[in-house]
Amino acid sequence: MPTDAHAGDAPTDAQEACFEAGIKFGSLYHQFAGTPVSPASTRSLERGMAEAIENQPYCESVTVTIHDDRVHEAIDHENGYTELTGSLMDVSMRIVRDDVVVRTRMEMADGYPLMRLVDVEA
């Protein structure tokens, strides 16, 4: 039976911090995707999303920007709202675990809300 040469190795602090960043993005995106949003509710939704994710361990700061112009363009019925999707927002996070700082960003890239590491400081 093959064995993994790294199976017993503990993850590095940087790997754990990057994993935490991924957890935060997954939680943010899948918890809030589909939330009704209108141009009148974008600021309160931004604050609520950021504050919810900042409750999680190692999460030092979250910035959510929901673009009013994109929300307005996405409204396709008379009720005045649309569902929140990754195409309507940009998100940045700062995760601190032990002595490692991870900065992340979610923004549109080729029509897809790409979540990526911006910087890892160990």
PDB file of N, CA and C in Angstrom:
ATOM      1  N   MET A   1       0.841  -1.176   0.000  1.00  0.00           N
ATOM      2  CA  MET A   1       0.000   0.000   0.000  1.00  0.00           C
ATOM      3  C   MET A   1       0.887   1.241   0.000  1.00  0.00           C
ATOM      4  N   PRO A   2       0.691   2.174  -0.941  1.00  0.00           N
ATOM      5  CA  PRO A   2       1.519   3.374  -0.990  1.00  0.00           C
ATOM      6  C   PRO A   2       1.284   4.257   0.226  1.00  0.00           C
ATOM      7  N   THR A   3       2.334   4.927   0.643  1.00  0.00           N
ATOM      8  CA  THR A   3       2.205   5.853   1.764  1.00  0.00           C
ATOM      9  C   THR A   3       2.577   7.245   1.300  1.00  0.00           C
ATOM     10  N   ASP A   4       1.975   8.205   1.914  1.00  0.00           N
ATOM     11  CA  ASP A   4       2.273   9.602   1.609  1.00  0.00           C
ATOM     12  C   ASP A   4       3.454  10.019   2.464  1.00  0.00           C
ATOM     13  N   ALA A   5       4.488  10.511   1.821  1.00  0.00           N
ATOM     14  CA  ALA A   5       5.697  10.903   2.535  1.00  0.00           C
ATOM     15  C   ALA A   5       5.431  12.040   3.516  1.00  0.00           C
ATOM     16  N   HIS A   6       4.383  12.804   3.304  1.00  0.00           N
ATOM     17  CA  HIS A   6       4.088  13.958   4.161  1.00  0.00           C
ATOM     18  C   HIS A   6       2.920  13.707   5.113  1.00  0.00           C
ATOM     19  N   ALA A   7       2.423  12.475   5.182  1.00  0.00           N
ATOM     20  CA  ALA A   7       1.225  12.180   5.964  1.00  0.00           C
ATOM     21  C   ALA A   7       1.368  12.557   7.425  1.00  0.00           C
ATOM     22  N   GLY A   8       2.545  12.431   8.000  1.00  0.00           N
ATOM     23  CA  GLY A   8       2.735  12.735   9.407  1.00  0.00           C
ATOM     24  C   GLY A   8       3.181  14.150   9.670  1.00  0.00           C
ATOM     25  N   ASP A   9       3.472  14.908   8.607  1.00  0.00           N
ATOM     26  CA  ASP A   9       3.941  16.279   8.769  1.00  0.00           C
ATOM     27  C   ASP A   9       2.803  17.196   9.176  1.00  0.00           C
ATOM     28  N   ALA A  10       3.076  18.011  10.161  1.00  0.00           N
ATOM     29  CA  ALA A  10       2.083  19.013  10.570  1.00  0.00           C
ATOM     30  C   ALA A  10       2.104  20.159   9.563  1.00  0.00           C
ATOM     31  N   PRO A  11       0.960  20.748   9.295  1.00  0.00           N
ATOM     32  CA  PRO A  11       0.940  21.896   8.374  1.00  0.00           C
ATOM     33  C   PRO A  11       1.719  23.062   8.967  1.00  0.00           C
ATOM     34  N   THR A  12       2.275  23.865   8.101  1.00  0.00           N
ATOM     35  CA  THR A  12       2.987  25.066   8.548  1.00  0.00           C
ATOM     36  C   THR A  12       1.971  26.118   8.992  1.00  0.00           C
ATOM     37  N   ASP A  13       2.453  27.116   9.724  1.00  0.00           N
ATOM     38  CA  ASP A  13       1.575  28.213  10.128  1.00  0.00           C
ATOM     39  C   ASP A  13       0.979  28.902   8.900  1.00  0.00           C
ATOM     40  N   ALA A  14       1.786  29.073   7.852  1.00  0.00           N
ATOM     41  CA  ALA A  14       1.295  29.723   6.628  1.00  0.00           C
ATOM     42  C   ALA A  14       0.212  28.879   5.969  1.00  0.00           C
ATOM     43  N   GLN A  15       0.388  27.567   5.929  1.00  0.00           N
ATOM     44  CA  GLN A  15      -0.634  26.696   5.347  1.00  0.00           C
ATOM     45  C   GLN A  15      -1.927  26.765   6.149  1.00  0.00           C
ATOM     46  N   GLU A  16      -1.819  26.768   7.463  1.00  0.00           N
ATOM     47  CA  GLU A  16      -3.017  26.855   8.299  1.00  0.00           C
ATOM     48  C   GLU A  16      -3.724  28.194   8.110  1.00  0.00           C
ATOM     49  N   ALA A  17      -2.964  29.271   7.997  1.00  0.00           N
ATOM     50  CA  ALA A  17      -3.561  30.594   7.787  1.00  0.00           C
ATOM     51  C   ALA A  17      -4.267  30.657   6.433  1.00  0.00           C
ATOM     52  N   CYS A  18      -3.672  30.074   5.400  1.00  0.00           N
ATOM     53  CA  CYS A  18      -4.305  30.041   4.078  1.00  0.00           C
ATOM     54  C   CYS A  18      -5.567  29.189   4.106  1.00  0.00           C
ATOM     55  N   PHE A  19      -5.537  28.078   4.826  1.00  0.00           N
ATOM     56  CA  PHE A  19      -6.729  27.235   4.988  1.00  0.00           C
ATOM     57  C   PHE A  19      -7.841  28.034   5.658  1.00  0.00           C
ATOM     58  N   GLU A  20      -7.503  28.787   6.707  1.00  0.00           N
ATOM     59  CA  GLU A  20      -8.498  29.614   7.396  1.00  0.00           C
ATOM     60  C   GLU A  20      -9.108  30.638   6.443  1.00  0.00           C
ATOM     61  N   ALA A  21      -8.288  31.220   5.582  1.00  0.00           N
ATOM     62  CA  ALA A  21      -8.801  32.183   4.607  1.00  0.00           C
ATOM     63  C   ALA A  21      -9.813  31.504   3.685  1.00  0.00           C
ATOM     64  N   GLY A  22      -9.514  30.305   3.246  1.00  0.00           N
ATOM     65  CA  GLY A  22     -10.442  29.562   2.387  1.00  0.00           C
ATOM     66  C   GLY A  22     -11.757  29.278   3.084  1.00  0.00           C
ATOM     67  N   ILE A  23     -11.687  28.919   4.346  1.00  0.00           N
ATOM     68  CA  ILE A  23     -12.895  28.653   5.134  1.00  0.00           C
ATOM     69  C   ILE A  23     -13.759  29.917   5.198  1.00  0.00           C
ATOM     70  N   LYS A  24     -13.113  31.063   5.423  1.00  0.00           N
ATOM     71  CA  LYS A  24     -13.866  32.309   5.527  1.00  0.00           C
ATOM     72  C   LYS A  24     -14.552  32.652   4.209  1.00  0.00           C
ATOM     73  N   PHE A  25     -13.844  32.480   3.089  1.00  0.00           N
ATOM     74  CA  PHE A  25     -14.446  32.761   1.787  1.00  0.00           C
ATOM     75  C   PHE A  25     -15.617  31.822   1.511  1.00  0.00           C
ATOM     76  N   GLY A  26     -15.437  30.535   1.797  1.00  0.00           N
ATOM     77  CA  GLY A  26     -16.521  29.580   1.572  1.00  0.00           C
ATOM     78  C   GLY A  26     -17.741  29.934   2.400  1.00  0.00           C
ATOM     79  N   SER A  27     -17.518  30.300   3.637  1.00  0.00           N
ATOM     80  CA  SER A  27     -18.615  30.684   4.521  1.00  0.00           C
ATOM     81  C   SER A  27     -19.308  31.942   4.009  1.00  0.00           C
ATOM     82  N   LEU A  28     -18.534  32.955   3.670  1.00  0.00           N
ATOM     83  CA  LEU A  28     -19.120  34.212   3.196  1.00  0.00           C
ATOM     84  C   LEU A  28     -19.936  33.982   1.929  1.00  0.00           C
ATOM     85  N   TYR A  29     -19.333  33.333   0.966  1.00  0.00           N
ATOM     86  CA  TYR A  29     -20.005  33.202  -0.325  1.00  0.00           C
ATOM     87  C   TYR A  29     -21.259  32.341  -0.222  1.00  0.00           C
ATOM     88  N   HIS A  30     -21.140  31.208   0.407  1.00  0.00           N
ATOM     89  CA  HIS A  30     -22.272  30.273   0.419  1.00  0.00           C
ATOM     90  C   HIS A  30     -23.327  30.630   1.451  1.00  0.00           C
ATOM     91  N   GLN A  31     -22.972  31.413   2.430  1.00  0.00           N
ATOM     92  CA  GLN A  31     -23.968  31.874   3.394  1.00  0.00           C
ATOM     93  C   GLN A  31     -24.815  33.000   2.808  1.00  0.00           C
ATOM     94  N   PHE A  32     -24.214  33.876   2.005  1.00  0.00           N
ATOM     95  CA  PHE A  32     -24.911  35.075   1.562  1.00  0.00           C
ATOM     96  C   PHE A  32     -25.351  35.059   0.104  1.00  0.00           C
ATOM     97  N   ALA A  33     -24.840  34.162  -0.715  1.00  0.00           N
ATOM     98  CA  ALA A  33     -25.298  34.088  -2.106  1.00  0.00           C
ATOM     99  C   ALA A  33     -26.801  33.828  -2.111  1.00  0.00           C
ATOM    100  N   GLY A  34     -27.510  34.584  -2.901  1.00  0.00           N
ATOM    101  CA  GLY A  34     -28.958  34.437  -2.978  1.00  0.00           C
ATOM    102  C   GLY A  34     -29.724  35.394  -2.081  1.00  0.00           C
ATOM    103  N   THR A  35     -29.024  36.129  -1.219  1.00  0.00           N
ATOM    104  CA  THR A  35     -29.681  37.097  -0.353  1.00  0.00           C
ATOM    105  C   THR A  35     -30.310  38.207  -1.200  1.00  0.00           C
ATOM    106  N   PRO A  36     -31.552  38.562  -0.952  1.00  0.00           N
ATOM    107  CA  PRO A  36     -32.151  39.672  -1.693  1.00  0.00           C
ATOM    108  C   PRO A  36     -31.384  40.966  -1.409  1.00  0.00           C
ATOM    109  N   VAL A  37     -31.072  41.712  -2.467  1.00  0.00           N
ATOM    110  CA  VAL A  37     -30.340  42.968  -2.313  1.00  0.00           C
ATOM    111  C   VAL A  37     -30.897  43.989  -3.293  1.00  0.00           C
ATOM    112  N   SER A  38     -30.971  45.225  -2.824  1.00  0.00           N
ATOM    113  CA  SER A  38     -31.408  46.339  -3.665  1.00  0.00           C
ATOM    114  C   SER A  38     -30.409  47.474  -3.466  1.00  0.00           C
ATOM    115  N   PRO A  39     -30.449  48.480  -4.323  1.00  0.00           N
ATOM    116  CA  PRO A  39     -29.552  49.617  -4.104  1.00  0.00           C
ATOM    117  C   PRO A  39     -29.730  50.249  -2.718  1.00  0.00           C
ATOM    118  N   ALA A  40     -30.907  50.164  -2.152  1.00  0.00           N
ATOM    119  CA  ALA A  40     -31.154  50.743  -0.827  1.00  0.00           C
ATOM    120  C   ALA A  40     -30.578  49.903   0.318  1.00  0.00           C
ATOM    121  N   SER A  41     -30.286  48.643   0.072  1.00  0.00           N
ATOM    122  CA  SER A  41     -29.836  47.770   1.165  1.00  0.00           C
ATOM    123  C   SER A  41     -28.372  47.360   1.072  1.00  0.00           C
ATOM    124  N   THR A  42     -27.640  47.856   0.084  1.00  0.00           N
ATOM    125  CA  THR A  42     -26.266  47.377  -0.103  1.00  0.00           C
ATOM    126  C   THR A  42     -25.363  47.685   1.083  1.00  0.00           C
ATOM    127  N   ARG A  43     -25.417  48.890   1.631  1.00  0.00           N
ATOM    128  CA  ARG A  43     -24.505  49.240   2.733  1.00  0.00           C
ATOM    129  C   ARG A  43     -24.769  48.372   3.959  1.00  0.00           C
ATOM    130  N   SER A  44     -26.027  48.164   4.317  1.00  0.00           N
ATOM    131  CA  SER A  44     -26.312  47.355   5.504  1.00  0.00           C
ATOM    132  C   SER A  44     -25.930  45.902   5.274  1.00  0.00           C
ATOM    133  N   LEU A  45     -26.117  45.403   4.059  1.00  0.00           N
ATOM    134  CA  LEU A  45     -25.712  44.024   3.762  1.00  0.00           C
ATOM    135  C   LEU A  45     -24.193  43.896   3.810  1.00  0.00           C
ATOM    136  N   GLU A  46     -23.476  44.877   3.279  1.00  0.00           N
ATOM    137  CA  GLU A  46     -22.007  44.857   3.362  1.00  0.00           C
ATOM    138  C   GLU A  46     -21.555  44.743   4.821  1.00  0.00           C
ATOM    139  N   ARG A  47     -22.109  45.596   5.678  1.00  0.00           N
ATOM    140  CA  ARG A  47     -21.730  45.579   7.099  1.00  0.00           C
ATOM    141  C   ARG A  47     -22.074  44.249   7.752  1.00  0.00           C
ATOM    142  N   GLY A  48     -23.267  43.747   7.484  1.00  0.00           N
ATOM    143  CA  GLY A  48     -23.687  42.487   8.087  1.00  0.00           C
ATOM    144  C   GLY A  48     -22.798  41.323   7.665  1.00  0.00           C
ATOM    145  N   MET A  49     -22.445  41.279   6.389  1.00  0.00           N
ATOM    146  CA  MET A  49     -21.574  40.211   5.897  1.00  0.00           C
ATOM    147  C   MET A  49     -20.203  40.297   6.555  1.00  0.00           C
ATOM    148  N   ALA A  50     -19.628  41.488   6.571  1.00  0.00           N
ATOM    149  CA  ALA A  50     -18.293  41.663   7.161  1.00  0.00           C
ATOM    150  C   ALA A  50     -18.300  41.298   8.639  1.00  0.00           C
ATOM    151  N   GLU A  51     -19.276  41.799   9.366  1.00  0.00           N
ATOM    152  CA  GLU A  51     -19.334  41.525  10.798  1.00  0.00           C
ATOM    153  C   GLU A  51     -19.549  40.042  11.087  1.00  0.00           C
ATOM    154  N   ALA A  52     -20.345  39.366  10.283  1.00  0.00           N
ATOM    155  CA  ALA A  52     -20.575  37.935  10.491  1.00  0.00           C
ATOM    156  C   ALA A  52     -19.290  37.140  10.310  1.00  0.00           C
ATOM    157  N   ILE A  53     -18.541  37.430   9.257  1.00  0.00           N
ATOM    158  CA  ILE A  53     -17.320  36.677   8.987  1.00  0.00           C
ATOM    159  C   ILE A  53     -16.224  37.042   9.978  1.00  0.00           C
ATOM    160  N   GLU A  54     -16.185  38.296  10.410  1.00  0.00           N
ATOM    161  CA  GLU A  54     -15.178  38.710  11.395  1.00  0.00           C
ATOM    162  C   GLU A  54     -15.347  38.003  12.737  1.00  0.00           C
ATOM    163  N   ASN A  55     -16.499  37.410  12.991  1.00  0.00           N
ATOM    164  CA  ASN A  55     -16.700  36.632  14.215  1.00  0.00           C
ATOM    165  C   ASN A  55     -15.863  35.362  14.233  1.00  0.00           C
ATOM    166  N   GLN A  56     -15.454  34.881  13.083  1.00  0.00           N
ATOM    167  CA  GLN A  56     -14.735  33.616  12.998  1.00  0.00           C
ATOM    168  C   GLN A  56     -13.293  33.772  13.494  1.00  0.00           C
ATOM    169  N   PRO A  57     -12.735  32.691  14.018  1.00  0.00           N
ATOM    170  CA  PRO A  57     -11.357  32.744  14.531  1.00  0.00           C
ATOM    171  C   PRO A  57     -10.369  33.194  13.452  1.00  0.00           C
ATOM    172  N   TYR A  58      -9.376  33.952  13.898  1.00  0.00           N
ATOM    173  CA  TYR A  58      -8.244  34.401  13.073  1.00  0.00           C
ATOM    174  C   TYR A  58      -8.613  35.456  12.037  1.00  0.00           C
ATOM    175  N   CYS A  59      -9.863  35.852  11.962  1.00  0.00           N
ATOM    176  CA  CYS A  59     -10.280  36.823  10.962  1.00  0.00           C
ATOM    177  C   CYS A  59     -10.159  38.217  11.566  1.00  0.00           C
ATOM    178  N   GLU A  60      -9.174  38.968  11.092  1.00  0.00           N
ATOM    179  CA  GLU A  60      -8.937  40.288  11.656  1.00  0.00           C
ATOM    180  C   GLU A  60      -9.795  41.366  11.008  1.00  0.00           C
ATOM    181  N   SER A  61      -9.990  41.280   9.692  1.00  0.00           N
ATOM    182  CA  SER A  61     -10.836  42.277   9.044  1.00  0.00           C
ATOM    183  C   SER A  61     -11.392  41.741   7.730  1.00  0.00           C
ATOM    184  N   VAL A  62     -12.572  42.231   7.394  1.00  0.00           N
ATOM    185  CA  VAL A  62     -13.248  41.888   6.147  1.00  0.00           C
ATOM    186  C   VAL A  62     -13.816  43.175   5.568  1.00  0.00           C
ATOM    187  N   THR A  63     -13.619  43.365   4.281  1.00  0.00           N
ATOM    188  CA  THR A  63     -14.224  44.496   3.588  1.00  0.00           C
ATOM    189  C   THR A  63     -15.065  43.940   2.448  1.00  0.00           C
ATOM    190  N   VAL A  64     -16.347  44.269   2.459  1.00  0.00           N
ATOM    191  CA  VAL A  64     -17.264  43.841   1.400  1.00  0.00           C
ATOM    192  C   VAL A  64     -17.730  45.100   0.680  1.00  0.00           C
ATOM    193  N   THR A  65     -17.592  45.087  -0.631  1.00  0.00           N
ATOM    194  CA  THR A  65     -18.091  46.189  -1.452  1.00  0.00           C
ATOM    195  C   THR A  65     -19.105  45.631  -2.431  1.00  0.00           C
ATOM    196  N   ILE A  66     -20.364  45.994  -2.241  1.00  0.00           N
ATOM    197  CA  ILE A  66     -21.418  45.612  -3.179  1.00  0.00           C
ATOM    198  C   ILE A  66     -21.618  46.809  -4.097  1.00  0.00           C
ATOM    199  N   HIS A  67     -21.454  46.582  -5.373  1.00  0.00           N
ATOM    200  CA  HIS A  67     -21.490  47.678  -6.347  1.00  0.00           C
ATOM    201  C   HIS A  67     -22.927  48.032  -6.712  1.00  0.00           C
ATOM    202  N   ASP A  68     -23.339  49.233  -6.331  1.00  0.00           N
ATOM    203  CA  ASP A  68     -24.703  49.688  -6.581  1.00  0.00           C
ATOM    204  C   ASP A  68     -25.073  49.626  -8.056  1.00  0.00           C
ATOM    205  N   ASP A  69     -24.144  50.012  -8.923  1.00  0.00           N
ATOM    206  CA  ASP A  69     -24.450  50.006 -10.355  1.00  0.00           C
ATOM    207  C   ASP A  69     -24.701  48.588 -10.861  1.00  0.00           C
ATOM    208  N   ARG A  70     -23.942  47.636 -10.359  1.00  0.00           N
ATOM    209  CA  ARG A  70     -24.148  46.243 -10.771  1.00  0.00           C
ATOM    210  C   ARG A  70     -25.479  45.702 -10.237  1.00  0.00           C
ATOM    211  N   VAL A  71     -25.808  46.080  -9.000  1.00  0.00           N
ATOM    212  CA  VAL A  71     -27.087  45.650  -8.421  1.00  0.00           C
ATOM    213  C   VAL A  71     -28.226  46.217  -9.262  1.00  0.00           C
ATOM    214  N   HIS A  72     -28.156  47.486  -9.553  1.00  0.00           N
ATOM    215  CA  HIS A  72     -29.202  48.130 -10.340  1.00  0.00           C
ATOM    216  C   HIS A  72     -29.373  47.436 -11.693  1.00  0.00           C
ATOM    217  N   GLU A  73     -28.272  47.145 -12.357  1.00  0.00           N
ATOM    218  CA  GLU A  73     -28.324  46.471 -13.664  1.00  0.00           C
ATOM    219  C   GLU A  73     -28.882  45.053 -13.576  1.00  0.00           C
ATOM    220  N   ALA A  74     -28.693  44.393 -12.436  1.00  0.00           N
ATOM    221  CA  ALA A  74     -29.134  43.004 -12.278  1.00  0.00           C
ATOM    222  C   ALA A  74     -30.622  42.877 -11.956  1.00  0.00           C
ATOM    223  N   ILE A  75     -31.261  43.972 -11.560  1.00  0.00           N
ATOM    224  CA  ILE A  75     -32.681  43.932 -11.227  1.00  0.00           C
ATOM    225  C   ILE A  75     -33.472  43.787 -12.525  1.00  0.00           C
ATOM    226  N   ASP A  76     -34.193  42.666 -12.633  1.00  0.00           N
ATOM    227  CA  ASP A  76     -34.901  42.395 -13.892  1.00  0.00           C
ATOM    228  C   ASP A  76     -36.408  42.225 -13.703  1.00  0.00           C
ATOM    229  N   HIS A  77     -36.926  42.767 -12.610  1.00  0.00           N
ATOM    230  CA  HIS A  77     -38.370  42.697 -12.373  1.00  0.00           C
ATOM    231  C   HIS A  77     -38.810  43.934 -11.596  1.00  0.00           C
ATOM    232  N   GLU A  78     -40.069  44.091 -11.432  1.00  0.00           N
ATOM    233  CA  GLU A  78     -40.637  45.305 -10.833  1.00  0.00           C
ATOM    234  C   GLU A  78     -40.503  45.391  -9.319  1.00  0.00           C
ATOM    235  N   ASN A  79     -40.019  44.340  -8.658  1.00  0.00           N
ATOM    236  CA  ASN A  79     -39.960  44.352  -7.198  1.00  0.00           C
ATOM    237  C   ASN A  79     -38.769  45.115  -6.631  1.00  0.00           C
ATOM    238  N   GLY A  80     -37.818  45.507  -7.479  1.00  0.00           N
ATOM    239  CA  GLY A  80     -36.741  46.387  -7.045  1.00  0.00           C
ATOM    240  C   GLY A  80     -35.566  45.736  -6.338  1.00  0.00           C
ATOM    241  N   TYR A  81     -35.412  44.442  -6.452  1.00  0.00           N
ATOM    242  CA  TYR A  81     -34.259  43.779  -5.848  1.00  0.00           C
ATOM    243  C   TYR A  81     -33.780  42.664  -6.763  1.00  0.00           C
ATOM    244  N   THR A  82     -32.604  42.154  -6.441  1.00  0.00           N
ATOM    245  CA  THR A  82     -32.058  40.992  -7.126  1.00  0.00           C
ATOM    246  C   THR A  82     -31.415  40.099  -6.081  1.00  0.00           C
ATOM    247  N   GLU A  83     -30.905  38.967  -6.494  1.00  0.00           N
ATOM    248  CA  GLU A  83     -30.204  38.067  -5.576  1.00  0.00           C
ATOM    249  C   GLU A  83     -28.716  38.369  -5.614  1.00  0.00           C
ATOM    250  N   LEU A  84     -28.088  38.379  -4.450  1.00  0.00           N
ATOM    251  CA  LEU A  84     -26.656  38.629  -4.361  1.00  0.00           C
ATOM    252  C   LEU A  84     -25.880  37.491  -5.015  1.00  0.00           C
ATOM    253  N   THR A  85     -24.953  37.851  -5.876  1.00  0.00           N
ATOM    254  CA  THR A  85     -24.029  36.891  -6.492  1.00  0.00           C
ATOM    255  C   THR A  85     -22.626  37.482  -6.411  1.00  0.00           C
ATOM    256  N   GLY A  86     -21.644  36.664  -6.698  1.00  0.00           N
ATOM    257  CA  GLY A  86     -20.261  37.127  -6.692  1.00  0.00           C
ATOM    258  C   GLY A  86     -20.003  38.226  -7.691  1.00  0.00           C
ATOM    259  N   SER A  87     -20.791  38.287  -8.751  1.00  0.00           N
ATOM    260  CA  SER A  87     -20.580  39.317  -9.772  1.00  0.00           C
ATOM    261  C   SER A  87     -20.958  40.706  -9.287  1.00  0.00           C
ATOM    262  N   LEU A  88     -21.640  40.800  -8.161  1.00  0.00           N
ATOM    263  CA  LEU A  88     -22.096  42.095  -7.656  1.00  0.00           C
ATOM    264  C   LEU A  88     -21.175  42.687  -6.597  1.00  0.00           C
ATOM    265  N   MET A  89     -20.149  41.930  -6.187  1.00  0.00           N
ATOM    266  CA  MET A  89     -19.351  42.403  -5.050  1.00  0.00           C
ATOM    267  C   MET A  89     -17.869  42.087  -5.198  1.00  0.00           C
ATOM    268  N   ASP A  90     -17.081  42.827  -4.436  1.00  0.00           N
ATOM    269  CA  ASP A  90     -15.663  42.554  -4.221  1.00  0.00           C
ATOM    270  C   ASP A  90     -15.492  42.374  -2.715  1.00  0.00           C
ATOM    271  N   VAL A  91     -14.582  41.481  -2.330  1.00  0.00           N
ATOM    272  CA  VAL A  91     -14.354  41.201  -0.915  1.00  0.00           C
ATOM    273  C   VAL A  91     -12.853  41.113  -0.673  1.00  0.00           C
ATOM    274  N   SER A  92     -12.400  41.680   0.424  1.00  0.00           N
ATOM    275  CA  SER A  92     -11.018  41.469   0.848  1.00  0.00           C
ATOM    276  C   SER A  92     -11.031  41.073   2.317  1.00  0.00           C
ATOM    277  N   MET A  93     -10.052  40.243   2.688  1.00  0.00           N
ATOM    278  CA  MET A  93      -9.956  39.772   4.067  1.00  0.00           C
ATOM    279  C   MET A  93      -8.506  39.808   4.525  1.00  0.00           C
ATOM    280  N   ARG A  94      -8.360  39.958   5.827  1.00  0.00           N
ATOM    281  CA  ARG A  94      -7.049  39.868   6.462  1.00  0.00           C
ATOM    282  C   ARG A  94      -7.179  38.826   7.558  1.00  0.00           C
ATOM    283  N   ILE A  95      -6.424  37.750   7.419  1.00  0.00           N
ATOM    284  CA  ILE A  95      -6.439  36.637   8.362  1.00  0.00           C
ATOM    285  C   ILE A  95      -5.096  36.631   9.080  1.00  0.00           C
ATOM    286  N   VAL A  96      -5.116  36.504  10.409  1.00  0.00           N
ATOM    287  CA  VAL A  96      -3.882  36.448  11.185  1.00  0.00           C
ATOM    288  C   VAL A  96      -3.926  35.181  12.030  1.00  0.00           C
ATOM    289  N   ARG A  97      -2.946  34.328  11.807  1.00  0.00           N
ATOM    290  CA  ARG A  97      -2.834  33.087  12.591  1.00  0.00           C
ATOM    291  C   ARG A  97      -1.396  32.981  13.056  1.00  0.00           C
ATOM    292  N   ASP A  98      -1.204  32.991  14.354  1.00  0.00           N
ATOM    293  CA  ASP A  98       0.128  33.013  14.949  1.00  0.00           C
ATOM    294  C   ASP A  98       0.884  34.209  14.373  1.00  0.00           C
ATOM    295  N   ASP A  99       2.011  33.997  13.731  1.00  0.00           N
ATOM    296  CA  ASP A  99       2.794  35.116  13.182  1.00  0.00           C
ATOM    297  C   ASP A  99       2.607  35.271  11.681  1.00  0.00           C
ATOM    298  N   VAL A 100       1.557  34.712  11.130  1.00  0.00           N
ATOM    299  CA  VAL A 100       1.328  34.763   9.683  1.00  0.00           C
ATOM    300  C   VAL A 100       0.131  35.662   9.386  1.00  0.00           C
ATOM    301  N   VAL A 101       0.309  36.548   8.407  1.00  0.00           N
ATOM    302  CA  VAL A 101      -0.772  37.415   7.949  1.00  0.00           C
ATOM    303  C   VAL A 101      -1.071  37.044   6.503  1.00  0.00           C
ATOM    304  N   VAL A 102      -2.335  36.728   6.245  1.00  0.00           N
ATOM    305  CA  VAL A 102      -2.776  36.369   4.898  1.00  0.00           C
ATOM    306  C   VAL A 102      -3.774  37.423   4.439  1.00  0.00           C
ATOM    307  N   ARG A 103      -3.543  37.943   3.255  1.00  0.00           N
ATOM    308  CA  ARG A 103      -4.481  38.888   2.638  1.00  0.00           C
ATOM    309  C   ARG A 103      -5.098  38.207   1.429  1.00  0.00           C
ATOM    310  N   THR A 104      -6.408  38.349   1.306  1.00  0.00           N
ATOM    311  CA  THR A 104      -7.130  37.699   0.218  1.00  0.00           C
ATOM    312  C   THR A 104      -8.020  38.708  -0.487  1.00  0.00           C
ATOM    313  N   ARG A 105      -8.493  38.305  -1.647  1.00  0.00           N
ATOM    314  CA  ARG A 105      -9.403  39.181  -2.411  1.00  0.00           C
ATOM    315  C   ARG A 105     -10.297  38.318  -3.277  1.00  0.00           C
ATOM    316  N   MET A 106     -11.556  38.715  -3.376  1.00  0.00           N
ATOM    317  CA  MET A 106     -12.482  38.122  -4.338  1.00  0.00           C
ATOM    318  C   MET A 106     -12.926  39.241  -5.253  1.00  0.00           C
ATOM    319  N   GLU A 107     -12.727  39.028  -6.553  1.00  0.00           N
ATOM    320  CA  GLU A 107     -13.150  40.003  -7.546  1.00  0.00           C
ATOM    321  C   GLU A 107     -13.431  39.263  -8.840  1.00  0.00           C
ATOM    322  N   MET A 108     -14.133  39.919  -9.720  1.00  0.00           N
ATOM    323  CA  MET A 108     -14.484  39.299 -10.991  1.00  0.00           C
ATOM    324  C   MET A 108     -13.247  39.164 -11.880  1.00  0.00           C
ATOM    325  N   ALA A 109     -13.105  37.994 -12.481  1.00  0.00           N
ATOM    326  CA  ALA A 109     -12.023  37.724 -13.435  1.00  0.00           C
ATOM    327  C   ALA A 109     -12.613  36.846 -14.533  1.00  0.00           C
ATOM    328  N   ASP A 110     -12.680  37.382 -15.730  1.00  0.00           N
ATOM    329  CA  ASP A 110     -13.225  36.647 -16.876  1.00  0.00           C
ATOM    330  C   ASP A 110     -14.635  36.122 -16.602  1.00  0.00           C
ATOM    331  N   GLY A 111     -15.467  36.954 -15.949  1.00  0.00           N
ATOM    332  CA  GLY A 111     -16.846  36.587 -15.693  1.00  0.00           C
ATOM    333  C   GLY A 111     -17.057  35.651 -14.514  1.00  0.00           C
ATOM    334  N   TYR A 112     -16.030  35.443 -13.700  1.00  0.00           N
ATOM    335  CA  TYR A 112     -16.108  34.515 -12.573  1.00  0.00           C
ATOM    336  C   TYR A 112     -15.645  35.223 -11.304  1.00  0.00           C
ATOM    337  N   PRO A 113     -16.330  35.032 -10.163  1.00  0.00           N
ATOM    338  CA  PRO A 113     -15.870  35.647  -8.915  1.00  0.00           C
ATOM    339  C   PRO A 113     -14.681  34.853  -8.355  1.00  0.00           C
ATOM    340  N   LEU A 114     -13.481  35.302  -8.672  1.00  0.00           N
ATOM    341  CA  LEU A 114     -12.263  34.598  -8.312  1.00  0.00           C
ATOM    342  C   LEU A 114     -11.817  34.969  -6.907  1.00  0.00           C
ATOM    343  N   MET A 115     -11.634  33.953  -6.064  1.00  0.00           N
ATOM    344  CA  MET A 115     -11.125  34.139  -4.708  1.00  0.00           C
ATOM    345  C   MET A 115      -9.652  33.761  -4.734  1.00  0.00           C
ATOM    346  N   ARG A 116      -8.797  34.682  -4.275  1.00  0.00           N
ATOM    347  CA  ARG A 116      -7.370  34.399  -4.382  1.00  0.00           C
ATOM    348  C   ARG A 116      -6.579  34.958  -3.213  1.00  0.00           C
ATOM    349  N   LEU A 117      -5.407  34.371  -3.016  1.00  0.00           N
ATOM    350  CA  LEU A 117      -4.456  34.915  -2.047  1.00  0.00           C
ATOM    351  C   LEU A 117      -3.755  36.093  -2.686  1.00  0.00           C
ATOM    352  N   VAL A 118      -3.672  37.182  -1.966  1.00  0.00           N
ATOM    353  CA  VAL A 118      -2.959  38.357  -2.447  1.00  0.00           C
ATOM    354  C   VAL A 118      -1.550  38.357  -1.895  1.00  0.00           C
ATOM    355  N   ASP A 119      -1.429  37.996  -0.602  1.00  0.00           N
ATOM    356  CA  ASP A 119      -0.130  38.051   0.053  1.00  0.00           C
ATOM    357  C   ASP A 119      -0.139  37.139   1.278  1.00  0.00           C
ATOM    358  N   VAL A 120       0.994  36.504   1.522  1.00  0.00           N
ATOM    359  CA  VAL A 120       1.194  35.704   2.731  1.00  0.00           C
ATOM    360  C   VAL A 120       2.480  36.184   3.369  1.00  0.00           C
ATOM    361  N   GLU A 121       2.379  36.761   4.559  1.00  0.00           N
ATOM    362  CA  GLU A 121       3.548  37.252   5.289  1.00  0.00           C
ATOM    363  C   GLU A 121       3.802  36.318   6.462  1.00  0.00           C
ATOM    364  N   ALA A 122       4.925  35.649   6.429  1.00  0.00           N
ATOM    365  CA  ALA A 122       5.256  34.716   7.516  1.00  0.00           C
ATOM    366  C   ALA A 122       6.377  35.283   8.361  1.00  0.00           C
TER     367      ALA A 122
END
